[in-house]
Amino acid sequence: MPGRRLLVCFAHPDDEAFPVGGALAAHASQGAEIRLVTATSGEEGEIRQEGAATRDTLGAIRRVELSCAVRALGLANHRVLRYRDSGMAGSQANDDPLAFINAPANEVVEQLVEEIRTFRPQVVLTFGPDGLYGHPDHIAICHHTTEAFRFAADPDAFPDQLAGGLTPHRAERLFYSVRPRGFRMEWALAVRSAGVDFPLPSPERANEGVPNEDIHLEMHLDDHLETKMACILCHRTQVAADWPYHRVPREVAMTVLGREFYTRGAPPVEMGERVPQDFFEGIAT
């Protein structure tokens, strides 16, 4: 895939790991140049291993973990925008003026437009409009990236960038990372079937995800499972010490980690159209 460029825009360190790490590893292994932009340092994340960080050091530690994950996946480079993690919906962190959800939309979009005009990707990837499971930062990065995808090609948008030497750029495809409705229950039952005491999702979370008919692309990433797991394990603060996927048969880990789901946000998918199993198929470099 020489000459193929993928720009990935997410909200927190580990967003590039759990939902899309297999696809990133696969495309990187085939020669695609991948740049990752992460909006926050994940300061509101959990600390799932005792001693891995403190509340005061978590953001800095997670940036180090992100660098580890980028190397594990073979990505070309990455950037952290350094907005503050907004936390889950309804949390006190939502009110912080530096929280990503409180950032002026035009300010964020301008930075992402600059990324697109500078890196000139054929494909852009971010979360779907549901934010995967409703996280406000995930929803925000989807909205801002979608706007940037559109504005980057507009010569009237952010003219100061053009005066500085950049030119408009029209990326060809926009993909969203999603999960099928009921994924939490399916995954919990798969792990429990292997004899691991894994908790079932709460009733209010059991039906998170999008309808199957809204999913355009399901990737099976058997050849890249171990790379994806290595990337996930870079995020030590976010992985519990009893992480189950080293204790189950590989086929169970494949059921949970080896399948990834995407919808194509642009161009719209036509009735009866088959979306290729590769982000770049049919795109000329």
C-alpha atoms as a PDB file:
ATOM      1  CA  MET A   1       0.000   0.000   0.000  1.00  0.00           C
ATOM      2  CA  PRO A   2       2.779   2.541  -0.663  1.00  0.00           C
ATOM      3  CA  GLY A   3       1.293   6.000  -1.045  1.00  0.00           C
ATOM      4  CA  ARG A   4      -1.827   5.211   0.933  1.00  0.00           C
ATOM      5  CA  ARG A   5      -2.461   7.444   3.936  1.00  0.00           C
ATOM      6  CA  LEU A   6      -4.970   6.997   6.742  1.00  0.00           C
ATOM      7  CA  LEU A   7      -5.716   9.750   9.269  1.00  0.00           C
ATOM      8  CA  VAL A   8      -7.213   8.440  12.513  1.00  0.00           C
ATOM      9  CA  CYS A   9      -8.928  10.896  14.896  1.00  0.00           C
ATOM     10  CA  PHE A  10      -9.944   9.727  18.365  1.00  0.00           C
ATOM     11  CA  ALA A  11     -10.613  11.176  21.802  1.00  0.00           C
ATOM     12  CA  HIS A  12      -8.423   9.292  24.303  1.00  0.00           C
ATOM     13  CA  PRO A  13      -5.344   7.098  24.528  1.00  0.00           C
ATOM     14  CA  ASP A  14      -6.581   3.495  24.013  1.00  0.00           C
ATOM     15  CA  ASP A  15      -9.303   4.509  21.526  1.00  0.00           C
ATOM     16  CA  GLU A  16      -6.873   3.371  18.817  1.00  0.00           C
ATOM     17  CA  ALA A  17      -6.456   0.022  20.570  1.00  0.00           C
ATOM     18  CA  PHE A  18      -9.663  -1.674  21.679  1.00  0.00           C
ATOM     19  CA  PRO A  19     -12.040  -0.802  18.806  1.00  0.00           C
ATOM     20  CA  VAL A  20      -9.732  -0.472  15.764  1.00  0.00           C
ATOM     21  CA  GLY A  21      -6.278  -1.827  16.630  1.00  0.00           C
ATOM     22  CA  GLY A  22      -6.609  -4.808  14.305  1.00  0.00           C
ATOM     23  CA  ALA A  23      -7.474  -2.717  11.261  1.00  0.00           C
ATOM     24  CA  LEU A  24      -4.665  -0.274  12.001  1.00  0.00           C
ATOM     25  CA  ALA A  25      -2.156  -3.104  12.373  1.00  0.00           C
ATOM     26  CA  ALA A  26      -3.376  -4.728   9.168  1.00  0.00           C
ATOM     27  CA  HIS A  27      -3.139  -1.581   7.070  1.00  0.00           C
ATOM     28  CA  ALA A  28       0.212  -0.589   8.569  1.00  0.00           C
ATOM     29  CA  SER A  29       1.632  -4.043   7.813  1.00  0.00           C
ATOM     30  CA  GLN A  30       0.614  -3.569   4.174  1.00  0.00           C
ATOM     31  CA  GLY A  31       2.519  -0.304   3.916  1.00  0.00           C
ATOM     32  CA  ALA A  32      -0.159   2.303   4.569  1.00  0.00           C
ATOM     33  CA  GLU A  33       1.099   5.430   6.336  1.00  0.00           C
ATOM     34  CA  ILE A  34      -1.111   6.041   9.363  1.00  0.00           C
ATOM     35  CA  ARG A  35      -1.215   9.204  11.464  1.00  0.00           C
ATOM     36  CA  LEU A  36      -3.113   9.240  14.754  1.00  0.00           C
ATOM     37  CA  VAL A  37      -4.560  12.392  16.319  1.00  0.00           C
ATOM     38  CA  THR A  38      -5.794  12.030  19.920  1.00  0.00           C
ATOM     39  CA  ALA A  39      -7.796  14.896  21.407  1.00  0.00           C
ATOM     40  CA  THR A  40      -7.122  14.362  25.139  1.00  0.00           C
ATOM     41  CA  SER A  41      -4.713  12.635  27.518  1.00  0.00           C
ATOM     42  CA  GLY A  42      -7.448  10.560  29.146  1.00  0.00           C
ATOM     43  CA  GLU A  43      -7.150  12.156  32.595  1.00  0.00           C
ATOM     44  CA  GLU A  44     -10.576  10.865  33.667  1.00  0.00           C
ATOM     45  CA  GLY A  45      -9.880   7.222  32.865  1.00  0.00           C
ATOM     46  CA  GLU A  46      -9.796   4.480  35.442  1.00  0.00           C
ATOM     47  CA  ILE A  47      -6.595   3.232  37.054  1.00  0.00           C
ATOM     48  CA  ARG A  48      -7.079  -0.501  36.796  1.00  0.00           C
ATOM     49  CA  GLN A  49      -3.688  -1.643  38.085  1.00  0.00           C
ATOM     50  CA  GLU A  50      -2.595  -0.537  41.527  1.00  0.00           C
ATOM     51  CA  GLY A  51       0.486   1.672  41.381  1.00  0.00           C
ATOM     52  CA  ALA A  52       0.291   2.243  37.621  1.00  0.00           C
ATOM     53  CA  ALA A  53      -0.545   5.936  38.101  1.00  0.00           C
ATOM     54  CA  THR A  54      -2.180   8.423  40.423  1.00  0.00           C
ATOM     55  CA  ARG A  55      -5.020  10.796  39.619  1.00  0.00           C
ATOM     56  CA  ASP A  56      -2.422  13.571  39.265  1.00  0.00           C
ATOM     57  CA  THR A  57      -0.102  11.606  36.967  1.00  0.00           C
ATOM     58  CA  LEU A  58      -2.657   9.656  34.933  1.00  0.00           C
ATOM     59  CA  GLY A  59      -2.680  11.988  31.916  1.00  0.00           C
ATOM     60  CA  ALA A  60       1.108  11.965  31.596  1.00  0.00           C
ATOM     61  CA  ILE A  61       1.268   8.189  32.067  1.00  0.00           C
ATOM     62  CA  ARG A  62      -1.402   7.634  29.439  1.00  0.00           C
ATOM     63  CA  ARG A  63       0.537   9.683  26.897  1.00  0.00           C
ATOM     64  CA  VAL A  64       3.495   7.364  27.468  1.00  0.00           C
ATOM     65  CA  GLU A  65       1.200   4.361  27.064  1.00  0.00           C
ATOM     66  CA  LEU A  66      -0.108   5.856  23.826  1.00  0.00           C
ATOM     67  CA  SER A  67       3.428   6.135  22.437  1.00  0.00           C
ATOM     68  CA  CYS A  68       3.944   2.452  23.254  1.00  0.00           C
ATOM     69  CA  ALA A  69       0.708   1.537  21.448  1.00  0.00           C
ATOM     70  CA  VAL A  70       1.658   3.579  18.375  1.00  0.00           C
ATOM     71  CA  ARG A  71       4.945   1.653  18.126  1.00  0.00           C
ATOM     72  CA  ALA A  72       3.218  -1.687  18.654  1.00  0.00           C
ATOM     73  CA  LEU A  73       0.792  -1.019  15.800  1.00  0.00           C
ATOM     74  CA  GLY A  74       3.458   0.321  13.454  1.00  0.00           C
ATOM     75  CA  LEU A  75       1.842   3.724  12.973  1.00  0.00           C
ATOM     76  CA  ALA A  76       3.847   6.457  11.272  1.00  0.00           C
ATOM     77  CA  ASN A  77       3.338   9.183  13.875  1.00  0.00           C
ATOM     78  CA  HIS A  78       0.842  10.697  16.288  1.00  0.00           C
ATOM     79  CA  ARG A  79      -0.199  13.931  17.970  1.00  0.00           C
ATOM     80  CA  VAL A  80      -2.066  14.682  21.207  1.00  0.00           C
ATOM     81  CA  LEU A  81      -4.130  17.882  21.073  1.00  0.00           C
ATOM     82  CA  ARG A  82      -4.125  18.149  24.890  1.00  0.00           C
ATOM     83  CA  TYR A  83      -7.693  19.074  25.541  1.00  0.00           C
ATOM     84  CA  ARG A  84      -8.873  17.693  28.867  1.00  0.00           C
ATOM     85  CA  ASP A  85     -10.778  14.412  29.108  1.00  0.00           C
ATOM     86  CA  SER A  86     -14.463  15.263  29.693  1.00  0.00           C
ATOM     87  CA  GLY A  87     -15.299  12.066  31.570  1.00  0.00           C
ATOM     88  CA  MET A  88     -18.488  10.081  31.155  1.00  0.00           C
ATOM     89  CA  ALA A  89     -21.808  11.807  30.546  1.00  0.00           C
ATOM     90  CA  GLY A  90     -23.095  13.477  33.700  1.00  0.00           C
ATOM     91  CA  SER A  91     -19.781  13.447  35.538  1.00  0.00           C
ATOM     92  CA  GLN A  92     -18.341  16.514  37.255  1.00  0.00           C
ATOM     93  CA  ALA A  93     -15.524  16.600  34.706  1.00  0.00           C
ATOM     94  CA  ASN A  94     -18.062  17.640  32.050  1.00  0.00           C
ATOM     95  CA  ASP A  95     -18.082  21.108  33.633  1.00  0.00           C
ATOM     96  CA  ASP A  96     -14.344  21.754  33.375  1.00  0.00           C
ATOM     97  CA  PRO A  97     -13.850  24.662  30.943  1.00  0.00           C
ATOM     98  CA  LEU A  98     -10.847  22.831  29.462  1.00  0.00           C
ATOM     99  CA  ALA A  99     -12.848  19.643  28.803  1.00  0.00           C
ATOM    100  CA  PHE A 100     -12.922  18.566  25.186  1.00  0.00           C
ATOM    101  CA  ILE A 101     -16.700  18.801  24.984  1.00  0.00           C
ATOM    102  CA  ASN A 102     -16.435  22.490  25.952  1.00  0.00           C
ATOM    103  CA  ALA A 103     -13.831  23.365  23.325  1.00  0.00           C
ATOM    104  CA  PRO A 104     -15.074  25.776  20.639  1.00  0.00           C
ATOM    105  CA  ALA A 105     -16.105  23.640  17.684  1.00  0.00           C
ATOM    106  CA  ASN A 106     -14.488  25.947  15.147  1.00  0.00           C
ATOM    107  CA  GLU A 107     -11.172  25.726  17.026  1.00  0.00           C
ATOM    108  CA  VAL A 108     -11.126  21.927  16.986  1.00  0.00           C
ATOM    109  CA  VAL A 109     -12.309  21.655  13.384  1.00  0.00           C
ATOM    110  CA  GLU A 110      -9.630  24.105  12.250  1.00  0.00           C
ATOM    111  CA  GLN A 111      -6.912  21.910  13.766  1.00  0.00           C
ATOM    112  CA  LEU A 112      -8.310  18.790  12.138  1.00  0.00           C
ATOM    113  CA  VAL A 113      -8.664  20.541   8.780  1.00  0.00           C
ATOM    114  CA  GLU A 114      -5.002  21.496   9.046  1.00  0.00           C
ATOM    115  CA  GLU A 115      -4.155  17.860   9.772  1.00  0.00           C
ATOM    116  CA  ILE A 116      -6.046  16.727   6.671  1.00  0.00           C
ATOM    117  CA  ARG A 117      -4.526  19.405   4.426  1.00  0.00           C
ATOM    118  CA  THR A 118      -1.028  18.662   5.711  1.00  0.00           C
ATOM    119  CA  PHE A 119      -1.112  14.847   5.799  1.00  0.00           C
ATOM    120  CA  ARG A 120      -3.405  14.544   2.728  1.00  0.00           C
ATOM    121  CA  PRO A 121      -4.993  11.178   3.550  1.00  0.00           C
ATOM    122  CA  GLN A 122      -7.232   9.268   1.177  1.00  0.00           C
ATOM    123  CA  VAL A 123      -9.165   7.862   4.142  1.00  0.00           C
ATOM    124  CA  VAL A 124     -10.179   9.324   7.515  1.00  0.00           C
ATOM    125  CA  LEU A 125     -11.336   7.192  10.467  1.00  0.00           C
ATOM    126  CA  THR A 126     -13.090   8.197  13.699  1.00  0.00           C
ATOM    127  CA  PHE A 127     -15.905   7.071  16.014  1.00  0.00           C
ATOM    128  CA  GLY A 128     -19.481   6.795  14.825  1.00  0.00           C
ATOM    129  CA  PRO A 129     -22.145   9.324  15.837  1.00  0.00           C
ATOM    130  CA  ASP A 130     -23.170   7.145  18.800  1.00  0.00           C
ATOM    131  CA  GLY A 131     -19.674   7.481  20.281  1.00  0.00           C
ATOM    132  CA  LEU A 132     -19.411   3.671  20.444  1.00  0.00           C
ATOM    133  CA  TYR A 133     -21.210   3.647  23.801  1.00  0.00           C
ATOM    134  CA  GLY A 134     -22.318   7.234  24.271  1.00  0.00           C
ATOM    135  CA  HIS A 135     -19.101   8.756  25.634  1.00  0.00           C
ATOM    136  CA  PRO A 136     -19.414  12.531  25.113  1.00  0.00           C
ATOM    137  CA  ASP A 137     -15.797  12.909  23.945  1.00  0.00           C
ATOM    138  CA  HIS A 138     -16.307  10.127  21.390  1.00  0.00           C
ATOM    139  CA  ILE A 139     -19.399  11.867  20.064  1.00  0.00           C
ATOM    140  CA  ALA A 140     -17.546  15.190  19.932  1.00  0.00           C
ATOM    141  CA  ILE A 141     -14.566  13.825  17.979  1.00  0.00           C
ATOM    142  CA  CYS A 142     -16.953  12.215  15.503  1.00  0.00           C
ATOM    143  CA  HIS A 143     -18.754  15.497  14.926  1.00  0.00           C
ATOM    144  CA  HIS A 144     -15.574  17.568  14.621  1.00  0.00           C
ATOM    145  CA  THR A 145     -13.837  15.055  12.339  1.00  0.00           C
ATOM    146  CA  THR A 146     -16.876  14.805  10.081  1.00  0.00           C
ATOM    147  CA  GLU A 147     -16.953  18.590   9.760  1.00  0.00           C
ATOM    148  CA  ALA A 148     -13.202  18.703   9.091  1.00  0.00           C
ATOM    149  CA  PHE A 149     -13.540  16.010   6.407  1.00  0.00           C
ATOM    150  CA  ARG A 150     -15.982  18.322   4.613  1.00  0.00           C
ATOM    151  CA  PHE A 151     -14.233  21.654   5.197  1.00  0.00           C
ATOM    152  CA  ALA A 152     -10.732  20.469   4.247  1.00  0.00           C
ATOM    153  CA  ALA A 153     -11.740  20.472   0.579  1.00  0.00           C
ATOM    154  CA  ASP A 154     -13.376  23.907   0.719  1.00  0.00           C
ATOM    155  CA  PRO A 155     -11.068  26.696  -0.506  1.00  0.00           C
ATOM    156  CA  ASP A 156     -13.130  29.218   1.444  1.00  0.00           C
ATOM    157  CA  ALA A 157     -12.644  27.423   4.769  1.00  0.00           C
ATOM    158  CA  PHE A 158      -9.817  28.563   7.058  1.00  0.00           C
ATOM    159  CA  PRO A 159      -8.097  30.709   4.421  1.00  0.00           C
ATOM    160  CA  ASP A 160      -5.162  31.505   6.735  1.00  0.00           C
ATOM    161  CA  GLN A 161      -4.008  27.927   6.230  1.00  0.00           C
ATOM    162  CA  LEU A 162      -3.981  28.437   2.479  1.00  0.00           C
ATOM    163  CA  ALA A 163      -2.077  31.695   2.817  1.00  0.00           C
ATOM    164  CA  GLY A 164       0.524  29.701   4.754  1.00  0.00           C
ATOM    165  CA  GLY A 165       1.101  27.334   1.847  1.00  0.00           C
ATOM    166  CA  LEU A 166      -1.418  24.535   2.385  1.00  0.00           C
ATOM    167  CA  THR A 167      -3.948  23.656  -0.293  1.00  0.00           C
ATOM    168  CA  PRO A 168      -7.462  22.201  -0.018  1.00  0.00           C
ATOM    169  CA  HIS A 169      -7.598  18.421   0.140  1.00  0.00           C
ATOM    170  CA  ARG A 170     -10.568  16.143  -0.477  1.00  0.00           C
ATOM    171  CA  ALA A 171     -10.173  12.819   1.306  1.00  0.00           C
ATOM    172  CA  GLU A 172     -12.068  10.093  -0.541  1.00  0.00           C
ATOM    173  CA  ARG A 173     -13.623   8.117   2.310  1.00  0.00           C
ATOM    174  CA  LEU A 174     -14.719   8.641   5.902  1.00  0.00           C
ATOM    175  CA  PHE A 175     -15.203   5.567   8.084  1.00  0.00           C
ATOM    176  CA  TYR A 176     -16.757   5.311  11.537  1.00  0.00           C
ATOM    177  CA  SER A 177     -15.868   2.712  14.177  1.00  0.00           C
ATOM    178  CA  VAL A 178     -19.035   1.131  15.595  1.00  0.00           C
ATOM    179  CA  ARG A 179     -20.119  -2.009  17.430  1.00  0.00           C
ATOM    180  CA  PRO A 180     -23.167  -4.190  16.847  1.00  0.00           C
ATOM    181  CA  ARG A 181     -26.111  -3.867  19.197  1.00  0.00           C
ATOM    182  CA  GLY A 182     -25.763  -6.214  22.151  1.00  0.00           C
ATOM    183  CA  PHE A 183     -21.997  -6.590  21.768  1.00  0.00           C
ATOM    184  CA  ARG A 184     -21.374  -6.404  25.521  1.00  0.00           C
ATOM    185  CA  MET A 185     -23.603  -9.368  26.254  1.00  0.00           C
ATOM    186  CA  GLU A 186     -22.208 -11.409  23.353  1.00  0.00           C
ATOM    187  CA  TRP A 187     -18.646 -10.830  24.503  1.00  0.00           C
ATOM    188  CA  ALA A 188     -19.377 -11.530  28.167  1.00  0.00           C
ATOM    189  CA  LEU A 189     -21.063 -14.825  27.297  1.00  0.00           C
ATOM    190  CA  ALA A 190     -18.148 -15.823  25.049  1.00  0.00           C
ATOM    191  CA  VAL A 191     -15.637 -15.281  27.861  1.00  0.00           C
ATOM    192  CA  ARG A 192     -17.848 -17.013  30.428  1.00  0.00           C
ATOM    193  CA  SER A 193     -18.156 -20.004  28.085  1.00  0.00           C
ATOM    194  CA  ALA A 194     -14.389 -20.449  28.478  1.00  0.00           C
ATOM    195  CA  GLY A 195     -14.752 -20.759  32.244  1.00  0.00           C
ATOM    196  CA  VAL A 196     -13.798 -17.208  33.203  1.00  0.00           C
ATOM    197  CA  ASP A 197     -15.988 -15.462  35.778  1.00  0.00           C
ATOM    198  CA  PHE A 198     -16.706 -12.403  33.642  1.00  0.00           C
ATOM    199  CA  PRO A 199     -19.470  -9.953  34.672  1.00  0.00           C
ATOM    200  CA  LEU A 200     -22.560  -9.550  32.537  1.00  0.00           C
ATOM    201  CA  PRO A 201     -23.382  -6.011  31.416  1.00  0.00           C
ATOM    202  CA  SER A 202     -25.934  -4.012  33.354  1.00  0.00           C
ATOM    203  CA  PRO A 203     -29.420  -3.885  31.779  1.00  0.00           C
ATOM    204  CA  GLU A 204     -28.940  -0.275  30.698  1.00  0.00           C
ATOM    205  CA  ARG A 205     -25.715  -1.171  28.832  1.00  0.00           C
ATOM    206  CA  ALA A 206     -26.674  -4.563  27.436  1.00  0.00           C
ATOM    207  CA  ASN A 207     -28.165  -3.127  24.242  1.00  0.00           C
ATOM    208  CA  GLU A 208     -25.496  -0.564  23.402  1.00  0.00           C
ATOM    209  CA  GLY A 209     -24.367  -0.545  19.781  1.00  0.00           C
ATOM    210  CA  VAL A 210     -25.898   0.030  16.360  1.00  0.00           C
ATOM    211  CA  PRO A 211     -28.341  -2.205  14.436  1.00  0.00           C
ATOM    212  CA  ASN A 212     -26.646  -4.842  12.291  1.00  0.00           C
ATOM    213  CA  GLU A 213     -28.177  -3.393   9.141  1.00  0.00           C
ATOM    214  CA  ASP A 214     -26.276  -0.138   9.774  1.00  0.00           C
ATOM    215  CA  ILE A 215     -22.881  -1.902   9.740  1.00  0.00           C
ATOM    216  CA  HIS A 216     -21.225  -1.768   6.317  1.00  0.00           C
ATOM    217  CA  LEU A 217     -17.976  -3.543   7.049  1.00  0.00           C
ATOM    218  CA  GLU A 218     -16.989  -6.346   9.425  1.00  0.00           C
ATOM    219  CA  MET A 219     -13.268  -7.064   9.477  1.00  0.00           C
ATOM    220  CA  HIS A 220     -11.904 -10.423  10.661  1.00  0.00           C
ATOM    221  CA  LEU A 221      -8.331  -9.823  11.764  1.00  0.00           C
ATOM    222  CA  ASP A 222      -7.007 -13.218  12.788  1.00  0.00           C
ATOM    223  CA  ASP A 223      -3.510 -12.485  11.466  1.00  0.00           C
ATOM    224  CA  HIS A 224      -3.226  -9.352  13.596  1.00  0.00           C
ATOM    225  CA  LEU A 225      -4.763 -10.479  16.892  1.00  0.00           C
ATOM    226  CA  GLU A 226      -1.464 -10.677  18.762  1.00  0.00           C
ATOM    227  CA  THR A 227      -0.404  -7.224  17.543  1.00  0.00           C
ATOM    228  CA  LYS A 228      -3.715  -5.781  18.673  1.00  0.00           C
ATOM    229  CA  MET A 229      -3.369  -7.448  22.071  1.00  0.00           C
ATOM    230  CA  ALA A 230       0.155  -6.067  22.444  1.00  0.00           C
ATOM    231  CA  CYS A 231      -1.171  -2.609  21.653  1.00  0.00           C
ATOM    232  CA  ILE A 232      -3.948  -2.957  24.229  1.00  0.00           C
ATOM    233  CA  LEU A 233      -1.513  -4.132  26.880  1.00  0.00           C
ATOM    234  CA  CYS A 234       0.545  -0.956  26.350  1.00  0.00           C
ATOM    235  CA  HIS A 235      -2.358   0.806  28.071  1.00  0.00           C
ATOM    236  CA  ARG A 236      -1.474  -0.678  31.452  1.00  0.00           C
ATOM    237  CA  THR A 237      -3.571   1.782  33.450  1.00  0.00           C
ATOM    238  CA  GLN A 238      -6.665   0.704  31.487  1.00  0.00           C
ATOM    239  CA  VAL A 239      -6.149  -3.072  31.598  1.00  0.00           C
ATOM    240  CA  ALA A 240      -7.050  -4.926  34.778  1.00  0.00           C
ATOM    241  CA  ALA A 241      -4.467  -7.279  36.241  1.00  0.00           C
ATOM    242  CA  ASP A 242      -6.888 -10.175  35.639  1.00  0.00           C
ATOM    243  CA  TRP A 243      -7.448  -9.266  31.962  1.00  0.00           C
ATOM    244  CA  PRO A 244      -9.173 -12.389  30.639  1.00  0.00           C
ATOM    245  CA  TYR A 245      -7.962 -12.653  27.052  1.00  0.00           C
ATOM    246  CA  HIS A 246      -4.694 -14.396  27.935  1.00  0.00           C
ATOM    247  CA  ARG A 247      -6.710 -17.008  29.845  1.00  0.00           C
ATOM    248  CA  VAL A 248      -9.158 -18.064  27.155  1.00  0.00           C
ATOM    249  CA  PRO A 249      -8.694 -20.088  23.953  1.00  0.00           C
ATOM    250  CA  ARG A 250      -7.572 -18.055  20.967  1.00  0.00           C
ATOM    251  CA  GLU A 251     -10.911 -18.520  19.218  1.00  0.00           C
ATOM    252  CA  VAL A 252     -12.656 -16.823  22.142  1.00  0.00           C
ATOM    253  CA  ALA A 253     -10.222 -13.909  22.042  1.00  0.00           C
ATOM    254  CA  MET A 254     -10.889 -13.716  18.295  1.00  0.00           C
ATOM    255  CA  THR A 255     -14.637 -13.471  18.921  1.00  0.00           C
ATOM    256  CA  VAL A 256     -14.140 -10.408  21.100  1.00  0.00           C
ATOM    257  CA  LEU A 257     -10.962  -8.710  19.846  1.00  0.00           C
ATOM    258  CA  GLY A 258     -10.516 -10.117  16.353  1.00  0.00           C
ATOM    259  CA  ARG A 259     -13.672  -8.683  14.786  1.00  0.00           C
ATOM    260  CA  GLU A 260     -14.077  -4.969  14.138  1.00  0.00           C
ATOM    261  CA  PHE A 261     -17.080  -3.134  12.742  1.00  0.00           C
ATOM    262  CA  TYR A 262     -17.339  -0.018  10.611  1.00  0.00           C
ATOM    263  CA  THR A 263     -19.812   2.139   8.763  1.00  0.00           C
ATOM    264  CA  ARG A 264     -18.876   4.395   5.874  1.00  0.00           C
ATOM    265  CA  GLY A 265     -19.866   7.960   6.547  1.00  0.00           C
ATOM    266  CA  ALA A 266     -18.764   9.337   3.180  1.00  0.00           C
ATOM    267  CA  PRO A 267     -19.466   8.849   0.439  1.00  0.00           C
ATOM    268  CA  PRO A 268     -22.889   7.473   1.417  1.00  0.00           C
ATOM    269  CA  VAL A 269     -23.358   3.752   0.798  1.00  0.00           C
ATOM    270  CA  GLU A 270     -25.804   3.173  -2.047  1.00  0.00           C
ATOM    271  CA  MET A 271     -28.562   0.574  -1.904  1.00  0.00           C
ATOM    272  CA  GLY A 272     -27.057  -2.811  -2.722  1.00  0.00           C
ATOM    273  CA  GLU A 273     -23.474  -1.525  -2.736  1.00  0.00           C
ATOM    274  CA  ARG A 274     -20.794  -3.879  -1.408  1.00  0.00           C
ATOM    275  CA  VAL A 275     -18.330  -2.072   0.821  1.00  0.00           C
ATOM    276  CA  PRO A 276     -14.838  -3.611   0.341  1.00  0.00           C
ATOM    277  CA  GLN A 277     -13.085  -5.352   3.223  1.00  0.00           C
ATOM    278  CA  ASP A 278     -10.247  -2.848   2.980  1.00  0.00           C
ATOM    279  CA  PHE A 279     -10.451   0.889   3.623  1.00  0.00           C
ATOM    280  CA  PHE A 280      -8.479   1.644   0.452  1.00  0.00           C
ATOM    281  CA  GLU A 281      -9.741  -0.864  -2.089  1.00  0.00           C
ATOM    282  CA  GLY A 282     -10.392   0.858  -5.400  1.00  0.00           C
ATOM    283  CA  ILE A 283      -8.577   4.082  -4.443  1.00  0.00           C
ATOM    284  CA  ALA A 284      -5.772   5.049  -6.795  1.00  0.00           C
ATOM    285  CA  THR A 285      -2.605   6.333  -5.110  1.00  0.00           C
END
